[in-house]
Amino acid sequence: MQIRKKCRWVSCFILPHSFPQSVFDFHAVSGFSVKGPAEPIMVLLGADATLPCQLSPEQSAAHMHIRWYRTQLSPAVFVYQNGQEQGGEQMLEYRGRTELVRNSINKGGVALLIQHVRASDHGQYRCHFKDGQSSQEAIVELHVIEVY
């Protein structure tokens, strides 16, 4: 069996020659990763939901392009670029109901605030960070609870 060595920045590992390279690509090659909560965010219908994301290692995200989306990058739930909200790509159903909580943006922490949560808000959200050519994302699950 042939063995080849593959190294990129902080990741270094040995691959059997027969394995496809893409199976072993790690997020560490970009210089950062994105973490979301391990458990779903639970919120009552009509209440406000806060969906957190954190860069690892801790670093400022103030200069980064941050995009929250559902299934496709565009249109988005929320877009932050050049230090401000970019409303042009925002999905109509989120206009006027979302904002980026940036209290910890200098430490890599942001959160999407969704106000007056609707039943249609239930499901997966992706927080996508882009810095130059490097980008990473995490999935945050929102469970909307309806009380009868």
N, C-alpha and C. Protein backbone atom coordinates (compact mmCIF):
# COMPACT_ATOMS: atom_id res chain seq x y z
N MET A 1 0.84 -1.17 0.00
CA MET A 1 0.00 0.00 0.00
C MET A 1 0.89 1.24 0.00
N GLN A 2 0.60 2.18 -0.87
CA GLN A 2 1.34 3.43 -0.89
C GLN A 2 0.75 4.38 0.14
N ILE A 3 1.62 5.11 0.79
CA ILE A 3 1.19 6.10 1.78
C ILE A 3 1.67 7.46 1.30
N ARG A 4 0.80 8.44 1.42
CA ARG A 4 1.22 9.81 1.09
C ARG A 4 0.92 10.70 2.29
N LYS A 5 1.73 11.69 2.44
CA LYS A 5 1.60 12.61 3.56
C LYS A 5 0.97 13.90 3.06
N LYS A 6 0.03 14.41 3.80
CA LYS A 6 -0.66 15.64 3.42
C LYS A 6 -0.59 16.61 4.58
N CYS A 7 -0.10 17.81 4.33
CA CYS A 7 0.00 18.84 5.36
C CYS A 7 -0.56 20.15 4.83
N ARG A 8 -1.33 20.79 5.63
CA ARG A 8 -1.83 22.14 5.34
C ARG A 8 -1.88 22.88 6.65
N TRP A 9 -1.23 23.97 6.74
CA TRP A 9 -1.17 24.83 7.92
C TRP A 9 -1.02 24.01 9.18
N VAL A 10 -2.08 23.89 9.98
CA VAL A 10 -1.96 23.20 11.26
C VAL A 10 -2.31 21.73 11.17
N SER A 11 -2.93 21.30 10.09
CA SER A 11 -3.32 19.90 9.96
C SER A 11 -2.23 19.12 9.23
N CYS A 12 -1.86 18.02 9.77
CA CYS A 12 -0.91 17.14 9.10
C CYS A 12 -1.33 15.72 9.44
N PHE A 13 -1.53 14.92 8.42
CA PHE A 13 -1.95 13.55 8.65
C PHE A 13 -1.47 12.68 7.51
N ILE A 14 -1.52 11.39 7.72
CA ILE A 14 -1.05 10.44 6.71
C ILE A 14 -2.26 9.75 6.11
N LEU A 15 -2.27 9.68 4.77
CA LEU A 15 -3.39 9.08 4.05
C LEU A 15 -2.94 7.84 3.30
N PRO A 16 -3.72 6.79 3.34
CA PRO A 16 -3.47 5.70 2.40
C PRO A 16 -3.74 6.24 0.99
N HIS A 17 -2.95 5.87 0.03
CA HIS A 17 -3.04 6.42 -1.32
C HIS A 17 -4.40 6.19 -1.95
N SER A 18 -5.10 5.15 -1.56
CA SER A 18 -6.37 4.79 -2.19
C SER A 18 -7.54 5.65 -1.74
N PHE A 19 -7.41 6.43 -0.66
CA PHE A 19 -8.52 7.25 -0.17
C PHE A 19 -8.59 8.57 -0.92
N PRO A 20 -9.81 9.01 -1.27
CA PRO A 20 -9.92 10.31 -1.93
C PRO A 20 -9.53 11.43 -0.97
N GLN A 21 -8.83 12.39 -1.47
CA GLN A 21 -8.33 13.49 -0.67
C GLN A 21 -9.45 14.25 0.02
N SER A 22 -10.57 14.48 -0.67
CA SER A 22 -11.64 15.29 -0.12
C SER A 22 -12.27 14.71 1.14
N VAL A 23 -12.18 13.39 1.33
CA VAL A 23 -12.75 12.76 2.51
C VAL A 23 -12.06 13.25 3.78
N PHE A 24 -10.81 13.65 3.66
CA PHE A 24 -10.02 13.99 4.83
C PHE A 24 -9.76 15.49 5.00
N ASP A 25 -10.37 16.34 4.20
CA ASP A 25 -10.14 17.77 4.35
C ASP A 25 -10.79 18.26 5.63
N PHE A 26 -10.03 18.99 6.44
CA PHE A 26 -10.52 19.50 7.71
C PHE A 26 -10.76 21.00 7.61
N HIS A 27 -11.63 21.51 8.53
CA HIS A 27 -11.91 22.94 8.56
C HIS A 27 -10.70 23.75 9.00
N ALA A 28 -9.72 23.13 9.63
CA ALA A 28 -8.57 23.86 10.14
C ALA A 28 -7.72 24.49 9.04
N VAL A 29 -7.88 24.05 7.79
CA VAL A 29 -7.05 24.59 6.73
C VAL A 29 -7.34 26.06 6.49
N SER A 30 -8.48 26.57 6.91
CA SER A 30 -8.82 27.97 6.67
C SER A 30 -8.27 28.89 7.75
N GLY A 31 -7.76 28.37 8.84
CA GLY A 31 -7.25 29.20 9.92
C GLY A 31 -8.27 29.47 11.00
N PHE A 32 -9.53 29.14 10.79
CA PHE A 32 -10.56 29.28 11.82
C PHE A 32 -11.67 28.28 11.55
N SER A 33 -12.45 28.03 12.56
CA SER A 33 -13.66 27.23 12.41
C SER A 33 -14.79 27.99 13.09
N VAL A 34 -16.01 27.54 12.87
CA VAL A 34 -17.19 28.19 13.44
C VAL A 34 -17.95 27.17 14.26
N LYS A 35 -18.33 27.56 15.45
CA LYS A 35 -19.06 26.66 16.34
C LYS A 35 -20.43 27.26 16.67
N GLY A 36 -21.41 26.38 16.66
CA GLY A 36 -22.76 26.74 17.10
C GLY A 36 -23.10 25.94 18.32
N PRO A 37 -24.27 26.18 18.90
CA PRO A 37 -24.67 25.42 20.09
C PRO A 37 -24.89 23.95 19.75
N ALA A 38 -24.58 23.08 20.69
CA ALA A 38 -24.73 21.64 20.49
C ALA A 38 -26.20 21.22 20.49
N GLU A 39 -27.02 21.95 21.20
CA GLU A 39 -28.44 21.63 21.32
C GLU A 39 -29.28 22.67 20.56
N PRO A 40 -30.47 22.28 20.13
CA PRO A 40 -31.35 23.25 19.45
C PRO A 40 -31.74 24.41 20.37
N ILE A 41 -31.97 25.56 19.78
CA ILE A 41 -32.50 26.71 20.49
C ILE A 41 -34.02 26.55 20.51
N MET A 42 -34.61 26.57 21.70
CA MET A 42 -36.05 26.40 21.86
C MET A 42 -36.67 27.75 22.16
N VAL A 43 -37.73 28.10 21.43
CA VAL A 43 -38.38 29.39 21.65
C VAL A 43 -39.88 29.26 21.41
N LEU A 44 -40.65 30.00 22.20
CA LEU A 44 -42.09 30.00 22.05
C LEU A 44 -42.50 30.82 20.84
N LEU A 45 -43.52 30.38 20.15
CA LEU A 45 -44.09 31.11 19.03
C LEU A 45 -44.39 32.54 19.46
N GLY A 46 -43.94 33.52 18.69
CA GLY A 46 -44.18 34.93 18.99
C GLY A 46 -43.11 35.60 19.83
N ALA A 47 -42.24 34.80 20.46
CA ALA A 47 -41.16 35.36 21.27
C ALA A 47 -39.96 35.68 20.36
N ASP A 48 -38.88 36.18 20.96
CA ASP A 48 -37.66 36.47 20.23
C ASP A 48 -36.67 35.32 20.42
N ALA A 49 -35.92 35.01 19.36
CA ALA A 49 -34.93 33.94 19.42
C ALA A 49 -33.54 34.51 19.15
N THR A 50 -32.56 34.03 19.89
CA THR A 50 -31.17 34.43 19.69
C THR A 50 -30.38 33.18 19.32
N LEU A 51 -29.79 33.20 18.12
CA LEU A 51 -29.03 32.07 17.59
C LEU A 51 -27.54 32.44 17.59
N PRO A 52 -26.74 31.86 18.50
CA PRO A 52 -25.33 32.25 18.62
C PRO A 52 -24.39 31.44 17.72
N CYS A 53 -23.28 32.08 17.34
CA CYS A 53 -22.17 31.44 16.63
C CYS A 53 -20.87 32.02 17.15
N GLN A 54 -19.81 31.21 17.15
CA GLN A 54 -18.53 31.63 17.71
C GLN A 54 -17.38 31.15 16.83
N LEU A 55 -16.45 32.06 16.51
CA LEU A 55 -15.23 31.68 15.80
C LEU A 55 -14.28 30.98 16.75
N SER A 56 -13.55 30.02 16.23
CA SER A 56 -12.51 29.35 16.99
C SER A 56 -11.29 29.21 16.08
N PRO A 57 -10.11 29.62 16.53
CA PRO A 57 -9.84 30.25 17.81
C PRO A 57 -10.46 31.64 17.88
N GLU A 58 -10.59 32.12 19.10
CA GLU A 58 -11.18 33.43 19.33
C GLU A 58 -10.41 34.50 18.57
N GLN A 59 -11.12 35.29 17.76
CA GLN A 59 -10.52 36.38 16.99
C GLN A 59 -11.63 37.33 16.56
N SER A 60 -11.27 38.53 16.20
CA SER A 60 -12.27 39.51 15.78
C SER A 60 -12.93 39.10 14.47
N ALA A 61 -14.24 39.27 14.42
CA ALA A 61 -15.00 39.01 13.19
C ALA A 61 -15.56 40.30 12.61
N ALA A 62 -15.15 41.44 13.17
CA ALA A 62 -15.72 42.73 12.76
C ALA A 62 -15.47 43.03 11.28
N HIS A 63 -14.36 42.55 10.74
CA HIS A 63 -14.01 42.82 9.34
C HIS A 63 -14.53 41.74 8.38
N MET A 64 -15.13 40.69 8.92
CA MET A 64 -15.54 39.56 8.09
C MET A 64 -16.92 39.77 7.47
N HIS A 65 -17.16 38.99 6.43
CA HIS A 65 -18.48 38.93 5.80
C HIS A 65 -19.22 37.82 6.54
N ILE A 66 -20.33 38.17 7.19
CA ILE A 66 -21.10 37.21 7.97
C ILE A 66 -22.49 37.08 7.33
N ARG A 67 -22.86 35.87 7.05
CA ARG A 67 -24.14 35.62 6.37
C ARG A 67 -24.88 34.52 7.12
N TRP A 68 -26.12 34.81 7.48
CA TRP A 68 -27.02 33.80 8.05
C TRP A 68 -27.98 33.40 6.94
N TYR A 69 -28.14 32.10 6.73
CA TYR A 69 -29.05 31.65 5.69
C TYR A 69 -29.70 30.33 6.08
N ARG A 70 -30.72 29.93 5.32
CA ARG A 70 -31.43 28.68 5.59
C ARG A 70 -30.85 27.57 4.72
N THR A 71 -31.33 27.42 3.49
CA THR A 71 -30.88 26.32 2.63
C THR A 71 -29.93 26.78 1.53
N GLN A 72 -30.02 28.04 1.13
CA GLN A 72 -29.17 28.58 0.07
C GLN A 72 -28.50 29.86 0.56
N LEU A 73 -27.29 30.12 0.06
CA LEU A 73 -26.57 31.33 0.46
C LEU A 73 -27.36 32.60 0.16
N SER A 74 -28.10 32.59 -0.93
CA SER A 74 -28.87 33.77 -1.31
C SER A 74 -30.22 33.33 -1.85
N PRO A 75 -31.29 33.98 -1.47
CA PRO A 75 -31.35 35.11 -0.54
C PRO A 75 -31.05 34.64 0.88
N ALA A 76 -30.66 35.57 1.71
CA ALA A 76 -30.20 35.25 3.06
C ALA A 76 -31.20 35.73 4.11
N VAL A 77 -31.04 35.19 5.30
CA VAL A 77 -31.81 35.66 6.45
C VAL A 77 -31.24 37.00 6.90
N PHE A 78 -29.90 37.10 6.92
CA PHE A 78 -29.23 38.34 7.33
C PHE A 78 -27.82 38.36 6.75
N VAL A 79 -27.39 39.53 6.29
CA VAL A 79 -26.03 39.68 5.75
C VAL A 79 -25.38 40.89 6.42
N TYR A 80 -24.15 40.67 6.91
CA TYR A 80 -23.34 41.73 7.53
C TYR A 80 -22.03 41.81 6.76
N GLN A 81 -21.72 42.99 6.26
CA GLN A 81 -20.47 43.17 5.50
C GLN A 81 -20.06 44.63 5.62
N ASN A 82 -18.75 44.86 5.62
CA ASN A 82 -18.21 46.22 5.73
C ASN A 82 -18.77 46.96 6.93
N GLY A 83 -18.96 46.22 8.03
CA GLY A 83 -19.39 46.85 9.27
C GLY A 83 -20.86 47.20 9.37
N GLN A 84 -21.67 46.74 8.41
CA GLN A 84 -23.09 47.08 8.48
C GLN A 84 -23.97 46.02 7.82
N GLU A 85 -25.26 46.11 8.12
CA GLU A 85 -26.24 45.21 7.53
C GLU A 85 -26.37 45.50 6.04
N GLN A 86 -26.48 44.43 5.26
CA GLN A 86 -26.68 44.54 3.82
C GLN A 86 -28.07 43.97 3.52
N GLY A 87 -29.06 44.82 3.41
CA GLY A 87 -30.44 44.38 3.27
C GLY A 87 -30.85 43.91 1.89
N GLY A 88 -30.05 44.17 0.87
CA GLY A 88 -30.42 43.87 -0.49
C GLY A 88 -30.66 42.40 -0.80
N GLU A 89 -30.00 41.50 -0.07
CA GLU A 89 -30.14 40.06 -0.33
C GLU A 89 -31.05 39.37 0.67
N GLN A 90 -31.68 40.15 1.55
CA GLN A 90 -32.44 39.55 2.63
C GLN A 90 -33.79 39.01 2.16
N MET A 91 -34.14 37.85 2.67
CA MET A 91 -35.45 37.24 2.39
C MET A 91 -36.54 38.15 2.95
N LEU A 92 -37.59 38.33 2.19
CA LEU A 92 -38.67 39.24 2.59
C LEU A 92 -39.26 38.90 3.95
N GLU A 93 -39.41 37.61 4.25
CA GLU A 93 -40.04 37.21 5.51
C GLU A 93 -39.22 37.54 6.75
N TYR A 94 -37.97 37.96 6.59
CA TYR A 94 -37.13 38.33 7.73
C TYR A 94 -36.89 39.84 7.83
N ARG A 95 -37.31 40.59 6.85
CA ARG A 95 -37.11 42.05 6.88
C ARG A 95 -37.82 42.67 8.08
N GLY A 96 -37.09 43.50 8.81
CA GLY A 96 -37.64 44.17 9.97
C GLY A 96 -37.74 43.30 11.21
N ARG A 97 -37.33 42.03 11.12
CA ARG A 97 -37.42 41.12 12.27
C ARG A 97 -36.07 40.59 12.73
N THR A 98 -34.99 40.92 12.02
CA THR A 98 -33.68 40.35 12.37
C THR A 98 -32.64 41.44 12.61
N GLU A 99 -31.69 41.09 13.44
CA GLU A 99 -30.50 41.94 13.62
C GLU A 99 -29.36 41.07 14.09
N LEU A 100 -28.16 41.57 13.87
CA LEU A 100 -26.96 40.86 14.30
C LEU A 100 -26.54 41.43 15.66
N VAL A 101 -26.50 40.57 16.66
CA VAL A 101 -26.04 40.97 17.99
C VAL A 101 -24.52 40.88 17.95
N ARG A 102 -23.86 42.03 18.14
CA ARG A 102 -22.41 42.11 17.95
C ARG A 102 -21.65 42.44 19.23
N ASN A 103 -22.25 42.19 20.38
CA ASN A 103 -21.60 42.52 21.66
C ASN A 103 -20.21 41.90 21.79
N SER A 104 -20.01 40.72 21.21
CA SER A 104 -18.74 40.00 21.33
C SER A 104 -18.05 39.82 19.99
N ILE A 105 -18.37 40.66 19.00
CA ILE A 105 -17.82 40.47 17.66
C ILE A 105 -16.29 40.57 17.65
N ASN A 106 -15.71 41.37 18.55
CA ASN A 106 -14.26 41.49 18.60
C ASN A 106 -13.59 40.24 19.16
N LYS A 107 -14.38 39.35 19.75
CA LYS A 107 -13.88 38.06 20.24
C LYS A 107 -14.41 36.91 19.39
N GLY A 108 -15.03 37.24 18.25
CA GLY A 108 -15.51 36.21 17.33
C GLY A 108 -16.91 35.70 17.60
N GLY A 109 -17.62 36.34 18.51
CA GLY A 109 -18.96 35.91 18.85
C GLY A 109 -20.02 36.81 18.25
N VAL A 110 -20.97 36.22 17.55
CA VAL A 110 -22.13 36.96 17.03
C VAL A 110 -23.37 36.10 17.27
N ALA A 111 -24.52 36.74 17.15
CA ALA A 111 -25.78 36.01 17.27
C ALA A 111 -26.79 36.67 16.35
N LEU A 112 -27.66 35.86 15.78
CA LEU A 112 -28.76 36.36 14.99
C LEU A 112 -29.97 36.46 15.90
N LEU A 113 -30.54 37.65 16.00
CA LEU A 113 -31.76 37.87 16.77
C LEU A 113 -32.92 37.87 15.79
N ILE A 114 -33.87 36.97 16.00
CA ILE A 114 -35.10 36.93 15.20
C ILE A 114 -36.23 37.34 16.13
N GLN A 115 -36.89 38.42 15.80
CA GLN A 115 -37.98 38.93 16.63
C GLN A 115 -39.32 38.36 16.17
N HIS A 116 -40.23 38.20 17.14
CA HIS A 116 -41.59 37.73 16.85
C HIS A 116 -41.56 36.46 15.99
N VAL A 117 -40.96 35.41 16.55
CA VAL A 117 -40.76 34.16 15.83
C VAL A 117 -42.09 33.59 15.33
N ARG A 118 -42.04 33.12 14.08
CA ARG A 118 -43.19 32.50 13.42
C ARG A 118 -42.96 30.99 13.33
N ALA A 119 -44.02 30.24 13.09
CA ALA A 119 -43.89 28.79 12.92
C ALA A 119 -42.96 28.47 11.75
N SER A 120 -42.99 29.29 10.72
CA SER A 120 -42.14 29.07 9.53
C SER A 120 -40.65 29.29 9.81
N ASP A 121 -40.32 29.88 10.96
CA ASP A 121 -38.91 30.09 11.32
C ASP A 121 -38.25 28.81 11.85
N HIS A 122 -39.05 27.81 12.17
CA HIS A 122 -38.56 26.54 12.70
C HIS A 122 -37.59 25.89 11.70
N GLY A 123 -36.48 25.36 12.19
CA GLY A 123 -35.57 24.61 11.33
C GLY A 123 -34.12 25.02 11.47
N GLN A 124 -33.33 24.67 10.45
CA GLN A 124 -31.88 24.91 10.47
C GLN A 124 -31.52 26.28 9.91
N TYR A 125 -30.51 26.88 10.56
CA TYR A 125 -29.91 28.13 10.10
C TYR A 125 -28.41 27.88 10.02
N ARG A 126 -27.79 28.52 9.07
CA ARG A 126 -26.33 28.41 8.92
C ARG A 126 -25.71 29.78 9.11
N CYS A 127 -24.71 29.85 9.99
CA CYS A 127 -23.95 31.09 10.13
C CYS A 127 -22.64 30.87 9.38
N HIS A 128 -22.40 31.72 8.41
CA HIS A 128 -21.29 31.58 7.46
C HIS A 128 -20.37 32.79 7.62
N PHE A 129 -19.11 32.53 7.94
CA PHE A 129 -18.10 33.58 8.08
C PHE A 129 -17.14 33.49 6.92
N LYS A 130 -16.85 34.62 6.30
CA LYS A 130 -15.88 34.65 5.20
C LYS A 130 -14.85 35.73 5.49
N ASP A 131 -13.58 35.34 5.37
CA ASP A 131 -12.45 36.25 5.58
C ASP A 131 -11.50 36.05 4.41
N GLY A 132 -11.56 36.95 3.42
CA GLY A 132 -10.75 36.78 2.22
C GLY A 132 -11.24 35.57 1.45
N GLN A 133 -10.33 34.62 1.20
CA GLN A 133 -10.69 33.40 0.49
C GLN A 133 -11.13 32.27 1.42
N SER A 134 -11.02 32.48 2.72
CA SER A 134 -11.37 31.45 3.70
C SER A 134 -12.80 31.64 4.18
N SER A 135 -13.53 30.56 4.26
CA SER A 135 -14.88 30.64 4.81
C SER A 135 -15.22 29.34 5.53
N GLN A 136 -16.01 29.48 6.57
CA GLN A 136 -16.48 28.35 7.37
C GLN A 136 -17.88 28.67 7.87
N GLU A 137 -18.62 27.63 8.25
CA GLU A 137 -19.95 27.85 8.76
C GLU A 137 -20.32 26.80 9.79
N ALA A 138 -21.37 27.10 10.54
CA ALA A 138 -21.92 26.16 11.51
C ALA A 138 -23.44 26.16 11.36
N ILE A 139 -24.04 25.08 11.79
CA ILE A 139 -25.50 24.96 11.73
C ILE A 139 -26.08 25.19 13.12
N VAL A 140 -27.13 25.99 13.18
CA VAL A 140 -27.86 26.23 14.42
C VAL A 140 -29.31 25.82 14.17
N GLU A 141 -29.82 25.01 15.06
CA GLU A 141 -31.19 24.49 14.93
C GLU A 141 -32.13 25.31 15.81
N LEU A 142 -33.23 25.79 15.23
CA LEU A 142 -34.25 26.54 15.97
C LEU A 142 -35.52 25.71 16.02
N HIS A 143 -36.00 25.47 17.23
CA HIS A 143 -37.27 24.77 17.41
C HIS A 143 -38.29 25.77 17.94
N VAL A 144 -39.35 25.98 17.19
CA VAL A 144 -40.42 26.88 17.59
C VAL A 144 -41.50 26.05 18.26
N ILE A 145 -41.86 26.43 19.46
CA ILE A 145 -42.83 25.69 20.25
C ILE A 145 -44.16 26.44 20.25
N GLU A 146 -45.16 25.75 19.80
CA GLU A 146 -46.52 26.33 19.80
C GLU A 146 -47.28 25.82 21.02
N VAL A 147 -47.85 26.74 21.77
CA VAL A 147 -48.62 26.36 22.95
C VAL A 147 -50.10 26.45 22.59
N TYR A 148 -50.82 25.36 22.82
CA TYR A 148 -52.24 25.31 22.48
C TYR A 148 -53.11 25.52 23.70
